[in-house]
Amino acid sequence: MSPRIKAVVFDIDGTLLDSVDLHARAWVEAFAHFGIETQEAEVRRQIGKGGDQLLPVFVDEARLAREGEAIESYRSDLFKRSYLSQAKPFPAVKALLSHVRDAGQTVALASSGKADEVENYQKILGITGLVDVVTTSDDADRSKPHPDIFEAVLGKLPGLSKQAVMVVGDTPYDAQAAARAGLSTIGVLCGGFPEAELSAAGCVAIYRDPQDLLDGYARSPLA
């Protein structure tokens, strides 16, 4: 029997890649470089948004207009230089994406990261040959929790109804953005957000990590 879901759209950071703490540290360090004091726990709760949505949480509007691009650029370079090499895949990522493709479903990535970051992530994850569609912050005017990135995904999946596409993500921002684009979301806990917050954001099912989703795939909404 053919699955109802024809395409599965994966977030990357915190969903496939164990990188949330690294991103939080890079932001804290970047903010400190510009004299802005932040707490890692507070920044960590914002990971999942792109820089356009994260920066205004910690930087006032006037300074954002003056230095926002410089802070984001510094953070991006710092992450690639000092933190990217520490990022590791969660268990069974490659096996999960292989299973999705073996089930006849399209694999898509939708990240708030920049295109060059997402390209590096695919190499780290070992999934370059398993991905059919990629959208990044470069494809969207606004990052999650706005729907732009998922609307861009839908634009690259012509002929599929929204009911045939499902998102897998680790943050409430994934679920909120997906819902605004008319898509349902499966949540994973490996990014660190509590189950209650993912449920409140609208996740239709919640799994521990990619391994848990793979193990329960036949009984999951994806099947």
N, C-alpha and C. Protein backbone atom coordinates (compact mmCIF):
# COMPACT_ATOMS: atom_id res chain seq x y z
N MET A 1 0.85 -1.19 0.00
CA MET A 1 0.00 0.00 0.00
C MET A 1 0.88 1.24 0.00
N SER A 2 0.60 2.18 -0.88
CA SER A 2 1.40 3.39 -0.98
C SER A 2 1.15 4.30 0.23
N PRO A 3 2.20 4.87 0.81
CA PRO A 3 2.01 5.75 1.97
C PRO A 3 1.26 7.02 1.59
N ARG A 4 0.46 7.54 2.53
CA ARG A 4 -0.27 8.79 2.30
C ARG A 4 0.70 9.96 2.21
N ILE A 5 1.77 9.91 3.02
CA ILE A 5 2.77 10.98 3.01
C ILE A 5 3.76 10.71 1.87
N LYS A 6 3.88 11.68 0.98
CA LYS A 6 4.74 11.53 -0.20
C LYS A 6 6.10 12.20 -0.04
N ALA A 7 6.20 13.15 0.90
CA ALA A 7 7.46 13.85 1.13
C ALA A 7 7.63 14.14 2.61
N VAL A 8 8.85 13.94 3.10
CA VAL A 8 9.16 14.20 4.51
C VAL A 8 10.21 15.30 4.55
N VAL A 9 9.89 16.37 5.27
CA VAL A 9 10.75 17.56 5.32
C VAL A 9 11.43 17.61 6.69
N PHE A 10 12.75 17.50 6.69
CA PHE A 10 13.51 17.46 7.93
C PHE A 10 14.16 18.81 8.23
N ASP A 11 14.00 19.28 9.46
CA ASP A 11 14.88 20.31 9.99
C ASP A 11 16.24 19.64 10.20
N ILE A 12 17.30 20.42 10.42
CA ILE A 12 18.64 19.83 10.60
C ILE A 12 19.15 20.00 12.02
N ASP A 13 19.43 21.23 12.43
CA ASP A 13 20.00 21.46 13.76
C ASP A 13 19.04 20.98 14.86
N GLY A 14 19.53 20.08 15.70
CA GLY A 14 18.72 19.57 16.79
C GLY A 14 17.79 18.44 16.40
N THR A 15 17.62 18.24 15.09
CA THR A 15 16.76 17.15 14.59
C THR A 15 17.61 16.01 14.04
N LEU A 16 18.51 16.34 13.14
CA LEU A 16 19.42 15.35 12.56
C LEU A 16 20.84 15.51 13.12
N LEU A 17 21.19 16.73 13.48
CA LEU A 17 22.56 17.06 13.89
C LEU A 17 22.58 17.57 15.33
N ASP A 18 23.47 17.02 16.13
CA ASP A 18 23.60 17.42 17.53
C ASP A 18 24.45 18.70 17.59
N SER A 19 23.79 19.83 17.39
CA SER A 19 24.52 21.09 17.21
C SER A 19 23.92 22.26 17.96
N VAL A 20 22.83 22.05 18.68
CA VAL A 20 22.12 23.17 19.30
C VAL A 20 22.99 23.87 20.34
N ASP A 21 23.64 23.10 21.22
CA ASP A 21 24.51 23.71 22.23
C ASP A 21 25.65 24.48 21.57
N LEU A 22 26.17 23.96 20.48
CA LEU A 22 27.28 24.62 19.77
C LEU A 22 26.82 25.95 19.19
N HIS A 23 25.63 25.96 18.60
CA HIS A 23 25.10 27.22 18.07
C HIS A 23 24.89 28.24 19.19
N ALA A 24 24.37 27.77 20.33
CA ALA A 24 24.13 28.67 21.45
C ALA A 24 25.44 29.29 21.93
N ARG A 25 26.48 28.48 22.05
CA ARG A 25 27.77 28.99 22.51
C ARG A 25 28.36 29.99 21.51
N ALA A 26 28.20 29.70 20.23
CA ALA A 26 28.71 30.61 19.21
C ALA A 26 27.99 31.96 19.28
N TRP A 27 26.69 31.94 19.48
CA TRP A 27 25.94 33.19 19.61
C TRP A 27 26.39 33.96 20.84
N VAL A 28 26.51 33.27 21.98
CA VAL A 28 26.93 33.94 23.21
C VAL A 28 28.30 34.59 23.03
N GLU A 29 29.20 33.85 22.40
CA GLU A 29 30.55 34.37 22.17
C GLU A 29 30.53 35.56 21.20
N ALA A 30 29.70 35.45 20.17
CA ALA A 30 29.59 36.55 19.20
C ALA A 30 28.99 37.79 19.85
N PHE A 31 27.94 37.61 20.63
CA PHE A 31 27.35 38.76 21.33
C PHE A 31 28.38 39.41 22.25
N ALA A 32 29.14 38.58 22.98
CA ALA A 32 30.14 39.11 23.91
C ALA A 32 31.19 39.94 23.16
N HIS A 33 31.54 39.48 21.96
CA HIS A 33 32.51 40.21 21.15
C HIS A 33 32.04 41.64 20.88
N PHE A 34 30.72 41.82 20.80
CA PHE A 34 30.15 43.14 20.54
C PHE A 34 29.67 43.81 21.84
N GLY A 35 30.07 43.25 22.98
CA GLY A 35 29.75 43.86 24.25
C GLY A 35 28.34 43.61 24.74
N ILE A 36 27.69 42.59 24.21
CA ILE A 36 26.32 42.25 24.60
C ILE A 36 26.35 41.01 25.49
N GLU A 37 25.90 41.13 26.72
CA GLU A 37 25.95 40.01 27.66
C GLU A 37 24.68 39.17 27.54
N THR A 38 24.85 37.87 27.32
CA THR A 38 23.70 36.96 27.23
C THR A 38 24.02 35.70 28.02
N GLN A 39 22.97 34.95 28.34
CA GLN A 39 23.11 33.66 29.03
C GLN A 39 22.88 32.54 28.03
N GLU A 40 23.73 31.51 28.10
CA GLU A 40 23.62 30.42 27.12
C GLU A 40 22.24 29.78 27.14
N ALA A 41 21.65 29.59 28.33
CA ALA A 41 20.34 28.95 28.42
C ALA A 41 19.27 29.78 27.70
N GLU A 42 19.37 31.11 27.82
CA GLU A 42 18.39 31.97 27.15
C GLU A 42 18.57 31.92 25.63
N VAL A 43 19.81 31.93 25.21
CA VAL A 43 20.08 31.86 23.76
C VAL A 43 19.65 30.51 23.20
N ARG A 44 19.90 29.47 23.96
CA ARG A 44 19.59 28.12 23.49
C ARG A 44 18.10 27.97 23.17
N ARG A 45 17.27 28.64 23.94
CA ARG A 45 15.81 28.55 23.72
C ARG A 45 15.40 29.21 22.40
N GLN A 46 16.29 30.02 21.83
CA GLN A 46 15.97 30.69 20.57
C GLN A 46 16.54 29.97 19.35
N ILE A 47 17.40 28.95 19.59
CA ILE A 47 17.97 28.21 18.47
C ILE A 47 16.86 27.45 17.75
N GLY A 48 16.88 27.53 16.46
CA GLY A 48 15.77 27.01 15.65
C GLY A 48 15.20 28.14 14.81
N LYS A 49 15.36 29.35 15.32
CA LYS A 49 15.08 30.53 14.53
C LYS A 49 16.34 30.88 13.73
N GLY A 50 16.16 31.62 12.64
CA GLY A 50 17.32 32.16 11.94
C GLY A 50 17.78 33.43 12.64
N GLY A 51 18.92 33.96 12.21
CA GLY A 51 19.46 35.16 12.81
C GLY A 51 18.51 36.34 12.75
N ASP A 52 17.70 36.43 11.69
CA ASP A 52 16.77 37.56 11.54
C ASP A 52 15.74 37.60 12.65
N GLN A 53 15.40 36.42 13.21
CA GLN A 53 14.42 36.33 14.28
C GLN A 53 15.07 36.26 15.67
N LEU A 54 16.29 35.72 15.72
CA LEU A 54 16.98 35.57 17.00
C LEU A 54 17.59 36.88 17.48
N LEU A 55 18.23 37.62 16.59
CA LEU A 55 18.93 38.84 16.97
C LEU A 55 18.03 39.85 17.70
N PRO A 56 16.80 40.10 17.23
CA PRO A 56 15.98 41.11 17.89
C PRO A 56 15.60 40.76 19.34
N VAL A 57 15.74 39.49 19.72
CA VAL A 57 15.46 39.10 21.10
C VAL A 57 16.49 39.71 22.05
N PHE A 58 17.71 39.90 21.56
CA PHE A 58 18.82 40.32 22.42
C PHE A 58 19.41 41.69 22.07
N VAL A 59 19.04 42.23 20.92
CA VAL A 59 19.63 43.49 20.46
C VAL A 59 18.52 44.50 20.17
N ASP A 60 18.66 45.72 20.70
CA ASP A 60 17.61 46.72 20.48
C ASP A 60 17.58 47.16 19.02
N GLU A 61 16.47 47.74 18.66
CA GLU A 61 16.19 48.01 17.24
C GLU A 61 17.23 48.93 16.61
N ALA A 62 17.63 49.97 17.33
CA ALA A 62 18.59 50.92 16.76
C ALA A 62 19.94 50.25 16.52
N ARG A 63 20.38 49.47 17.50
CA ARG A 63 21.68 48.81 17.35
C ARG A 63 21.60 47.71 16.30
N LEU A 64 20.45 47.07 16.23
CA LEU A 64 20.26 46.03 15.22
C LEU A 64 20.43 46.60 13.82
N ALA A 65 19.89 47.78 13.61
CA ALA A 65 20.01 48.43 12.30
C ALA A 65 21.47 48.75 11.98
N ARG A 66 22.23 49.12 13.02
CA ARG A 66 23.63 49.49 12.81
C ARG A 66 24.54 48.29 12.68
N GLU A 67 24.36 47.28 13.55
CA GLU A 67 25.35 46.22 13.69
C GLU A 67 24.82 44.80 13.48
N GLY A 68 23.54 44.68 13.16
CA GLY A 68 22.95 43.35 13.03
C GLY A 68 23.68 42.46 12.04
N GLU A 69 23.97 42.99 10.88
CA GLU A 69 24.65 42.19 9.85
C GLU A 69 26.06 41.81 10.30
N ALA A 70 26.74 42.74 10.97
CA ALA A 70 28.10 42.46 11.43
C ALA A 70 28.11 41.37 12.51
N ILE A 71 27.14 41.43 13.41
CA ILE A 71 27.04 40.40 14.47
C ILE A 71 26.77 39.04 13.85
N GLU A 72 25.82 38.99 12.93
CA GLU A 72 25.47 37.72 12.29
C GLU A 72 26.64 37.16 11.49
N SER A 73 27.34 38.03 10.77
CA SER A 73 28.50 37.59 9.98
C SER A 73 29.60 37.05 10.89
N TYR A 74 29.85 37.75 11.98
CA TYR A 74 30.87 37.31 12.94
C TYR A 74 30.47 35.95 13.53
N ARG A 75 29.20 35.82 13.89
CA ARG A 75 28.71 34.55 14.46
C ARG A 75 28.86 33.40 13.47
N SER A 76 28.51 33.65 12.22
CA SER A 76 28.59 32.61 11.20
C SER A 76 30.03 32.14 11.00
N ASP A 77 30.96 33.09 10.89
CA ASP A 77 32.37 32.74 10.71
C ASP A 77 32.91 32.01 11.94
N LEU A 78 32.53 32.49 13.13
CA LEU A 78 32.97 31.88 14.37
C LEU A 78 32.49 30.44 14.47
N PHE A 79 31.23 30.20 14.11
CA PHE A 79 30.68 28.85 14.20
C PHE A 79 31.45 27.90 13.28
N LYS A 80 31.69 28.34 12.05
CA LYS A 80 32.41 27.48 11.11
C LYS A 80 33.86 27.25 11.56
N ARG A 81 34.45 28.25 12.14
CA ARG A 81 35.85 28.17 12.54
C ARG A 81 36.06 27.35 13.81
N SER A 82 35.20 27.52 14.79
CA SER A 82 35.46 26.98 16.12
C SER A 82 34.52 25.87 16.58
N TYR A 83 33.34 25.76 15.94
CA TYR A 83 32.33 24.86 16.50
C TYR A 83 31.84 23.77 15.53
N LEU A 84 31.85 24.06 14.24
CA LEU A 84 31.27 23.13 13.27
C LEU A 84 31.89 21.74 13.36
N SER A 85 33.20 21.67 13.57
CA SER A 85 33.89 20.36 13.60
C SER A 85 33.43 19.49 14.76
N GLN A 86 32.78 20.09 15.75
CA GLN A 86 32.31 19.34 16.91
C GLN A 86 30.91 18.76 16.72
N ALA A 87 30.22 19.20 15.69
CA ALA A 87 28.85 18.75 15.45
C ALA A 87 28.84 17.30 14.96
N LYS A 88 27.95 16.50 15.52
CA LYS A 88 27.87 15.08 15.17
C LYS A 88 26.42 14.70 14.87
N PRO A 89 26.22 13.72 13.97
CA PRO A 89 24.86 13.25 13.69
C PRO A 89 24.26 12.54 14.90
N PHE A 90 22.97 12.65 15.06
CA PHE A 90 22.27 11.80 16.01
C PHE A 90 22.24 10.37 15.46
N PRO A 91 22.01 9.38 16.32
CA PRO A 91 21.99 7.99 15.85
C PRO A 91 20.95 7.75 14.75
N ALA A 92 21.35 6.99 13.75
CA ALA A 92 20.45 6.44 12.72
C ALA A 92 19.93 7.47 11.72
N VAL A 93 20.58 8.63 11.62
CA VAL A 93 20.11 9.64 10.66
C VAL A 93 20.15 9.11 9.23
N LYS A 94 21.29 8.58 8.84
CA LYS A 94 21.42 8.08 7.47
C LYS A 94 20.45 6.92 7.22
N ALA A 95 20.30 6.06 8.20
CA ALA A 95 19.38 4.92 8.06
C ALA A 95 17.94 5.39 7.94
N LEU A 96 17.58 6.43 8.69
CA LEU A 96 16.21 6.96 8.63
C LEU A 96 15.92 7.54 7.26
N LEU A 97 16.83 8.36 6.75
CA LEU A 97 16.59 8.96 5.43
C LEU A 97 16.59 7.91 4.33
N SER A 98 17.43 6.90 4.47
CA SER A 98 17.41 5.78 3.51
C SER A 98 16.07 5.07 3.54
N HIS A 99 15.54 4.88 4.74
CA HIS A 99 14.24 4.21 4.90
C HIS A 99 13.13 5.02 4.24
N VAL A 100 13.18 6.34 4.43
CA VAL A 100 12.18 7.22 3.80
C VAL A 100 12.21 7.05 2.28
N ARG A 101 13.40 7.06 1.72
CA ARG A 101 13.50 6.93 0.27
C ARG A 101 13.09 5.54 -0.21
N ASP A 102 13.44 4.52 0.58
CA ASP A 102 13.05 3.15 0.22
C ASP A 102 11.53 2.99 0.25
N ALA A 103 10.87 3.82 1.07
CA ALA A 103 9.41 3.78 1.15
C ALA A 103 8.77 4.55 0.00
N GLY A 104 9.59 5.09 -0.89
CA GLY A 104 9.08 5.83 -2.05
C GLY A 104 8.73 7.27 -1.75
N GLN A 105 9.24 7.77 -0.63
CA GLN A 105 8.94 9.14 -0.24
C GLN A 105 10.11 10.06 -0.54
N THR A 106 9.82 11.31 -0.84
CA THR A 106 10.83 12.31 -1.13
C THR A 106 11.43 12.83 0.17
N VAL A 107 12.73 13.03 0.20
CA VAL A 107 13.42 13.60 1.36
C VAL A 107 13.75 15.06 1.08
N ALA A 108 13.29 15.94 1.96
CA ALA A 108 13.59 17.37 1.83
C ALA A 108 14.22 17.88 3.12
N LEU A 109 15.06 18.90 3.00
CA LEU A 109 15.64 19.57 4.16
C LEU A 109 15.14 21.01 4.17
N ALA A 110 14.79 21.51 5.36
CA ALA A 110 14.35 22.90 5.50
C ALA A 110 15.00 23.47 6.74
N SER A 111 16.05 24.23 6.55
CA SER A 111 16.85 24.74 7.66
C SER A 111 16.83 26.25 7.70
N SER A 112 16.94 26.81 8.92
CA SER A 112 17.09 28.25 9.08
C SER A 112 18.54 28.68 8.84
N GLY A 113 19.43 27.71 8.60
CA GLY A 113 20.82 28.02 8.33
C GLY A 113 21.02 28.54 6.91
N LYS A 114 22.21 29.06 6.67
CA LYS A 114 22.56 29.56 5.34
C LYS A 114 22.93 28.39 4.42
N ALA A 115 22.90 28.62 3.12
CA ALA A 115 23.09 27.55 2.14
C ALA A 115 24.43 26.84 2.31
N ASP A 116 25.51 27.61 2.55
CA ASP A 116 26.81 26.96 2.68
C ASP A 116 26.89 26.13 3.96
N GLU A 117 26.21 26.57 5.03
CA GLU A 117 26.17 25.80 6.27
C GLU A 117 25.43 24.48 6.04
N VAL A 118 24.30 24.57 5.35
CA VAL A 118 23.49 23.37 5.12
C VAL A 118 24.23 22.37 4.24
N GLU A 119 25.00 22.87 3.29
CA GLU A 119 25.82 21.98 2.45
C GLU A 119 26.85 21.23 3.31
N ASN A 120 27.48 21.95 4.24
CA ASN A 120 28.43 21.31 5.15
C ASN A 120 27.74 20.28 6.05
N TYR A 121 26.53 20.62 6.50
CA TYR A 121 25.80 19.70 7.37
C TYR A 121 25.52 18.38 6.66
N GLN A 122 25.16 18.46 5.39
CA GLN A 122 24.86 17.23 4.66
C GLN A 122 26.09 16.33 4.58
N LYS A 123 27.27 16.94 4.42
CA LYS A 123 28.51 16.16 4.38
C LYS A 123 28.78 15.52 5.74
N ILE A 124 28.61 16.28 6.81
CA ILE A 124 28.82 15.75 8.16
C ILE A 124 27.85 14.61 8.44
N LEU A 125 26.62 14.76 8.00
CA LEU A 125 25.59 13.74 8.23
C LEU A 125 25.74 12.55 7.31
N GLY A 126 26.49 12.71 6.23
CA GLY A 126 26.66 11.62 5.26
C GLY A 126 25.41 11.34 4.46
N ILE A 127 24.62 12.39 4.18
CA ILE A 127 23.31 12.19 3.54
C ILE A 127 23.20 12.89 2.19
N THR A 128 24.31 13.38 1.66
CA THR A 128 24.25 14.19 0.43
C THR A 128 23.49 13.48 -0.69
N GLY A 129 23.70 12.20 -0.85
CA GLY A 129 23.04 11.47 -1.93
C GLY A 129 21.63 11.02 -1.61
N LEU A 130 21.14 11.34 -0.41
CA LEU A 130 19.82 10.90 0.01
C LEU A 130 18.79 12.02 0.02
N VAL A 131 19.21 13.22 -0.33
CA VAL A 131 18.34 14.40 -0.22
C VAL A 131 17.89 14.84 -1.61
N ASP A 132 16.57 15.02 -1.76
CA ASP A 132 16.00 15.41 -3.05
C ASP A 132 15.80 16.91 -3.18
N VAL A 133 15.46 17.56 -2.07
CA VAL A 133 15.10 18.98 -2.08
C VAL A 133 15.74 19.65 -0.87
N VAL A 134 16.30 20.85 -1.07
CA VAL A 134 16.89 21.60 0.04
C VAL A 134 16.39 23.04 -0.01
N THR A 135 15.94 23.55 1.15
CA THR A 135 15.67 24.98 1.28
C THR A 135 16.39 25.49 2.52
N THR A 136 16.87 26.71 2.45
CA THR A 136 17.65 27.32 3.53
C THR A 136 17.16 28.75 3.75
N SER A 137 17.80 29.46 4.65
CA SER A 137 17.42 30.85 4.88
C SER A 137 17.57 31.69 3.61
N ASP A 138 18.42 31.23 2.70
CA ASP A 138 18.61 31.96 1.44
C ASP A 138 17.37 31.91 0.54
N ASP A 139 16.47 30.95 0.83
CA ASP A 139 15.25 30.81 0.03
C ASP A 139 14.06 31.54 0.66
N ALA A 140 14.29 32.20 1.80
CA ALA A 140 13.17 32.77 2.54
C ALA A 140 13.49 34.20 2.99
N ASP A 141 12.48 35.05 2.96
CA ASP A 141 12.66 36.42 3.47
C ASP A 141 12.75 36.41 4.99
N ARG A 142 11.99 35.51 5.62
CA ARG A 142 11.96 35.42 7.08
C ARG A 142 12.16 33.97 7.49
N SER A 143 12.87 33.75 8.58
CA SER A 143 13.11 32.38 9.04
C SER A 143 11.99 31.93 10.00
N LYS A 144 12.05 30.70 10.43
CA LYS A 144 11.09 30.17 11.39
C LYS A 144 11.09 31.05 12.64
N PRO A 145 9.94 31.28 13.26
CA PRO A 145 8.66 30.58 13.09
C PRO A 145 7.76 31.09 11.97
N HIS A 146 8.25 31.96 11.09
CA HIS A 146 7.48 32.34 9.91
C HIS A 146 7.46 31.16 8.93
N PRO A 147 6.47 31.08 8.07
CA PRO A 147 6.29 29.89 7.21
C PRO A 147 7.13 29.89 5.94
N ASP A 148 7.92 30.96 5.70
CA ASP A 148 8.55 31.14 4.39
C ASP A 148 9.35 29.94 3.91
N ILE A 149 10.13 29.34 4.81
CA ILE A 149 11.01 28.24 4.40
C ILE A 149 10.18 27.03 3.96
N PHE A 150 9.09 26.76 4.68
CA PHE A 150 8.25 25.61 4.30
C PHE A 150 7.43 25.92 3.05
N GLU A 151 7.07 27.16 2.87
CA GLU A 151 6.40 27.53 1.61
C GLU A 151 7.36 27.35 0.43
N ALA A 152 8.65 27.65 0.67
CA ALA A 152 9.65 27.43 -0.38
C ALA A 152 9.81 25.94 -0.68
N VAL A 153 9.74 25.10 0.36
CA VAL A 153 9.79 23.64 0.16
C VAL A 153 8.63 23.20 -0.72
N LEU A 154 7.44 23.67 -0.39
CA LEU A 154 6.26 23.27 -1.16
C LEU A 154 6.40 23.69 -2.62
N GLY A 155 7.05 24.82 -2.84
CA GLY A 155 7.28 25.27 -4.21
C GLY A 155 8.20 24.35 -4.99
N LYS A 156 9.03 23.60 -4.26
CA LYS A 156 9.96 22.65 -4.90
C LYS A 156 9.40 21.23 -4.92
N LEU A 157 8.15 21.09 -4.47
CA LEU A 157 7.48 19.78 -4.49
C LEU A 157 6.19 19.90 -5.30
N PRO A 158 6.31 20.24 -6.57
CA PRO A 158 5.12 20.48 -7.39
C PRO A 158 4.25 19.23 -7.49
N GLY A 159 2.96 19.46 -7.45
CA GLY A 159 2.02 18.36 -7.61
C GLY A 159 1.64 17.67 -6.32
N LEU A 160 2.29 18.01 -5.22
CA LEU A 160 1.95 17.39 -3.93
C LEU A 160 1.03 18.30 -3.13
N SER A 161 -0.01 17.71 -2.56
CA SER A 161 -0.88 18.47 -1.67
C SER A 161 -0.18 18.66 -0.33
N LYS A 162 -0.64 19.61 0.44
CA LYS A 162 -0.05 19.84 1.76
C LYS A 162 -0.29 18.65 2.68
N GLN A 163 -1.36 17.92 2.45
CA GLN A 163 -1.66 16.75 3.27
C GLN A 163 -0.69 15.60 3.00
N ALA A 164 0.04 15.68 1.87
CA ALA A 164 0.98 14.63 1.50
C ALA A 164 2.41 14.94 1.95
N VAL A 165 2.58 16.06 2.66
CA VAL A 165 3.90 16.50 3.10
C VAL A 165 3.91 16.63 4.62
N MET A 166 4.92 16.07 5.27
CA MET A 166 5.02 16.17 6.72
C MET A 166 6.41 16.62 7.14
N VAL A 167 6.46 17.44 8.19
CA VAL A 167 7.71 17.99 8.71
C VAL A 167 8.17 17.19 9.92
N VAL A 168 9.49 17.07 10.08
CA VAL A 168 10.09 16.51 11.30
C VAL A 168 11.03 17.57 11.86
N GLY A 169 10.77 18.00 13.10
CA GLY A 169 11.59 19.06 13.68
C GLY A 169 11.69 18.94 15.19
N ASP A 170 12.59 19.72 15.77
CA ASP A 170 12.86 19.60 17.21
C ASP A 170 12.42 20.79 18.03
N THR A 171 11.93 21.85 17.38
CA THR A 171 11.58 23.05 18.14
C THR A 171 10.12 23.46 17.91
N PRO A 172 9.56 24.23 18.84
CA PRO A 172 8.22 24.78 18.60
C PRO A 172 8.19 25.65 17.35
N TYR A 173 9.34 26.27 17.02
CA TYR A 173 9.38 27.15 15.84
C TYR A 173 9.17 26.36 14.55
N ASP A 174 9.68 25.12 14.52
CA ASP A 174 9.43 24.26 13.36
C ASP A 174 7.94 24.01 13.20
N ALA A 175 7.30 23.62 14.30
CA ALA A 175 5.87 23.27 14.26
C ALA A 175 5.02 24.49 13.93
N GLN A 176 5.36 25.64 14.50
CA GLN A 176 4.60 26.87 14.24
C GLN A 176 4.74 27.30 12.79
N ALA A 177 5.97 27.26 12.28
CA ALA A 177 6.20 27.65 10.89
C ALA A 177 5.50 26.70 9.93
N ALA A 178 5.60 25.40 10.22
CA ALA A 178 4.95 24.41 9.37
C ALA A 178 3.43 24.59 9.37
N ALA A 179 2.86 24.81 10.54
CA ALA A 179 1.40 24.99 10.64
C ALA A 179 0.95 26.20 9.83
N ARG A 180 1.74 27.27 9.86
CA ARG A 180 1.39 28.47 9.10
C ARG A 180 1.47 28.23 7.60
N ALA A 181 2.24 27.20 7.21
CA ALA A 181 2.31 26.82 5.80
C ALA A 181 1.32 25.70 5.47
N GLY A 182 0.53 25.30 6.46
CA GLY A 182 -0.48 24.27 6.25
C GLY A 182 0.02 22.84 6.38
N LEU A 183 1.18 22.66 7.06
CA LEU A 183 1.78 21.34 7.19
C LEU A 183 1.76 20.85 8.64
N SER A 184 1.72 19.55 8.80
CA SER A 184 1.78 18.93 10.13
C SER A 184 3.23 18.58 10.46
N THR A 185 3.52 18.49 11.77
CA THR A 185 4.89 18.25 12.23
C THR A 185 4.97 17.11 13.23
N ILE A 186 5.98 16.27 13.04
CA ILE A 186 6.39 15.29 14.05
C ILE A 186 7.54 15.92 14.83
N GLY A 187 7.48 15.88 16.15
CA GLY A 187 8.54 16.44 16.97
C GLY A 187 9.53 15.39 17.42
N VAL A 188 10.79 15.81 17.60
CA VAL A 188 11.80 14.95 18.22
C VAL A 188 12.39 15.71 19.41
N LEU A 189 12.73 14.97 20.45
CA LEU A 189 13.16 15.56 21.72
C LEU A 189 14.67 15.81 21.79
N CYS A 190 15.42 15.33 20.81
CA CYS A 190 16.88 15.36 20.89
C CYS A 190 17.45 16.77 20.81
N GLY A 191 16.65 17.75 20.36
CA GLY A 191 17.12 19.13 20.34
C GLY A 191 17.02 19.82 21.68
N GLY A 192 16.32 19.21 22.63
CA GLY A 192 16.29 19.74 23.99
C GLY A 192 15.02 20.43 24.41
N PHE A 193 14.08 20.66 23.51
CA PHE A 193 12.82 21.27 23.92
C PHE A 193 11.92 20.25 24.61
N PRO A 194 11.22 20.63 25.66
CA PRO A 194 10.37 19.69 26.38
C PRO A 194 9.21 19.19 25.53
N GLU A 195 8.78 17.98 25.82
CA GLU A 195 7.66 17.38 25.08
C GLU A 195 6.42 18.26 25.16
N ALA A 196 6.17 18.85 26.34
CA ALA A 196 4.98 19.68 26.50
C ALA A 196 4.98 20.88 25.55
N GLU A 197 6.15 21.47 25.33
CA GLU A 197 6.23 22.63 24.43
C GLU A 197 6.02 22.23 22.98
N LEU A 198 6.54 21.05 22.61
CA LEU A 198 6.34 20.58 21.24
C LEU A 198 4.87 20.24 21.01
N SER A 199 4.24 19.63 22.00
CA SER A 199 2.81 19.33 21.89
C SER A 199 1.98 20.60 21.78
N ALA A 200 2.31 21.58 22.63
CA ALA A 200 1.56 22.84 22.62
C ALA A 200 1.71 23.57 21.29
N ALA A 201 2.85 23.37 20.63
CA ALA A 201 3.09 24.02 19.33
C ALA A 201 2.38 23.30 18.19
N GLY A 202 1.82 22.11 18.48
CA GLY A 202 1.02 21.43 17.48
C GLY A 202 1.58 20.15 16.90
N CYS A 203 2.69 19.64 17.46
CA CYS A 203 3.25 18.38 16.92
C CYS A 203 2.23 17.25 17.04
N VAL A 204 2.07 16.49 15.97
CA VAL A 204 1.05 15.43 15.94
C VAL A 204 1.56 14.14 16.56
N ALA A 205 2.87 14.01 16.71
CA ALA A 205 3.49 12.85 17.35
C ALA A 205 4.88 13.28 17.78
N ILE A 206 5.42 12.64 18.81
CA ILE A 206 6.73 13.02 19.33
C ILE A 206 7.57 11.77 19.56
N TYR A 207 8.82 11.82 19.10
CA TYR A 207 9.76 10.71 19.24
C TYR A 207 11.03 11.22 19.93
N ARG A 208 11.78 10.29 20.46
CA ARG A 208 12.99 10.66 21.20
C ARG A 208 14.04 11.27 20.27
N ASP A 209 14.28 10.61 19.13
CA ASP A 209 15.35 11.02 18.21
C ASP A 209 15.15 10.28 16.89
N PRO A 210 16.03 10.48 15.90
CA PRO A 210 15.86 9.78 14.61
C PRO A 210 15.81 8.26 14.75
N GLN A 211 16.60 7.71 15.66
CA GLN A 211 16.58 6.25 15.86
C GLN A 211 15.19 5.79 16.31
N ASP A 212 14.60 6.51 17.25
CA ASP A 212 13.28 6.16 17.77
C ASP A 212 12.23 6.27 16.67
N LEU A 213 12.33 7.30 15.82
CA LEU A 213 11.38 7.45 14.71
C LEU A 213 11.56 6.32 13.71
N LEU A 214 12.80 5.96 13.42
CA LEU A 214 13.05 4.84 12.51
C LEU A 214 12.47 3.54 13.06
N ASP A 215 12.70 3.29 14.36
CA ASP A 215 12.21 2.06 14.98
C ASP A 215 10.68 1.99 14.95
N GLY A 216 10.03 3.15 15.06
CA GLY A 216 8.58 3.16 15.09
C GLY A 216 7.93 3.62 13.80
N TYR A 217 8.70 3.61 12.72
CA TYR A 217 8.24 4.20 11.45
C TYR A 217 6.93 3.60 10.95
N ALA A 218 6.81 2.29 11.04
CA ALA A 218 5.63 1.61 10.49
C ALA A 218 4.34 2.04 11.21
N ARG A 219 4.48 2.51 12.45
CA ARG A 219 3.32 2.93 13.22
C ARG A 219 3.23 4.45 13.33
N SER A 220 4.11 5.15 12.65
CA SER A 220 4.17 6.61 12.75
C SER A 220 3.25 7.26 11.74
N PRO A 221 2.96 8.56 11.91
CA PRO A 221 2.15 9.27 10.90
C PRO A 221 2.79 9.27 9.51
N LEU A 222 4.10 9.04 9.43
CA LEU A 222 4.76 9.02 8.12
C LEU A 222 4.37 7.82 7.28
N ALA A 223 3.95 6.76 7.94
CA ALA A 223 3.57 5.55 7.22
C ALA A 223 2.09 5.55 6.84
